[in-house]
Amino acid sequence: MEIEQQMKNIVLNNGVEMPQHGLGTFLIPKEKLSRTLAEAYEMGYRQFDTAWRYHNETEIAQALKENGIHREDVFITTKVNADALYYFGYWYGKHSIFNVRSFKSISRAIEESFENLQTDYVDLFLVHWPWPIYRKMYKELTKYYKAGRIRAIGVCSCLPPHLEALKDVSDIVPAVNQFEISPLNTQKQLIQYCRERGIQVEAMATLSHFRSNEPRKELTENETIRPIAEKYGKTIPQIIFKWLLQQDIIIIPKTWNPKYLKQNISLYDFTLDDTEMALIDSLDKGHFLNYNPYNAFRGLPRKYKSWDGFK
């Protein structure tokens, strides 16, 4: 059976179907993007994850056109970012986004992604981080969703209080929460919280640091996972991605190497047993390895700051 036929779609809380297996595009060199998307599409990838912050939305639109890939045949995720609004981005310099005047409205930043992607709709639009203005961003995305220009909206790296606080500004439950998940950071409680509320979980930064293409050797050379990989004739990263898929988590591993593109999608000819899943779970360190959303409490109303995780 073709890989594309084995891959499944996840039905989001509003009925929209989203491919469970996608391609992350952060840090893929622009000159390699067109070839990478063409090869990925040929292999069966149908979901492409981007963001304003990745500065490659325009190149993704061009790549789809150059390779004759019809817009309706792929699922595109993008994200609205605070950096798009300010001369001094949230991550840069000494200026916080409370101390500078924005030069662009949130709606203008959203429109910019539509223009970059050369599309009149986006399949999934996420708030890229729980900044102090993340609720205003989500409220604006809600307007676009209700206008039919966005098929589903969601968030990234949001903890329970961040998600609860959204209820004050929108009647739309996030369709997706994309956050860091790996065997070293399993986030079981956050996953359970999201599932109980109909929020689909999507994993990011599973193998690598946020701002690096270098994988964590603690994962890719893990001696606990290695025997499992050898048993199934797979690589350690393949076992990790399978571990995520079997939890019904959406994955978006990134690469532009054809060999790894193929490996990352060749996950449908074996199944991990319960003992193997539990063994991988046991590697959990109990904390985020990259940017820590537990520090993202500015902008939350006081009633949500009493959450134990912030203490």
Foldseek 3Di string as FASTA:
>chain_A
DQLLVLWAWDQFPVRDTHTLEAAEDAPDDLVLVLVLVLLLVVSNHAEYEEEVVSVCLLSNLVSCVVNVNDPVRHAYEYEQAQQLFCPAGCVDDPDHPVRGDTPDDLVRSVVVSCVSNVHQAHAEYEHEALALCSLVNVLVVQVCCVVVRYNFYAYEQDAVLSQVQNVVRDPDRHREYEYADELQAHPVVRCVVCVVVRHAYAHDCHFHEPNDPDGDCCQQVPPLQVVVCVVVVAGSVLVGLLLCVVVVYRYHYYDSDSVVSNRNSPNRPDHDDPVSSVSSNVNYPHADPYDHSLPRPNNRPPVSCVPPSVD
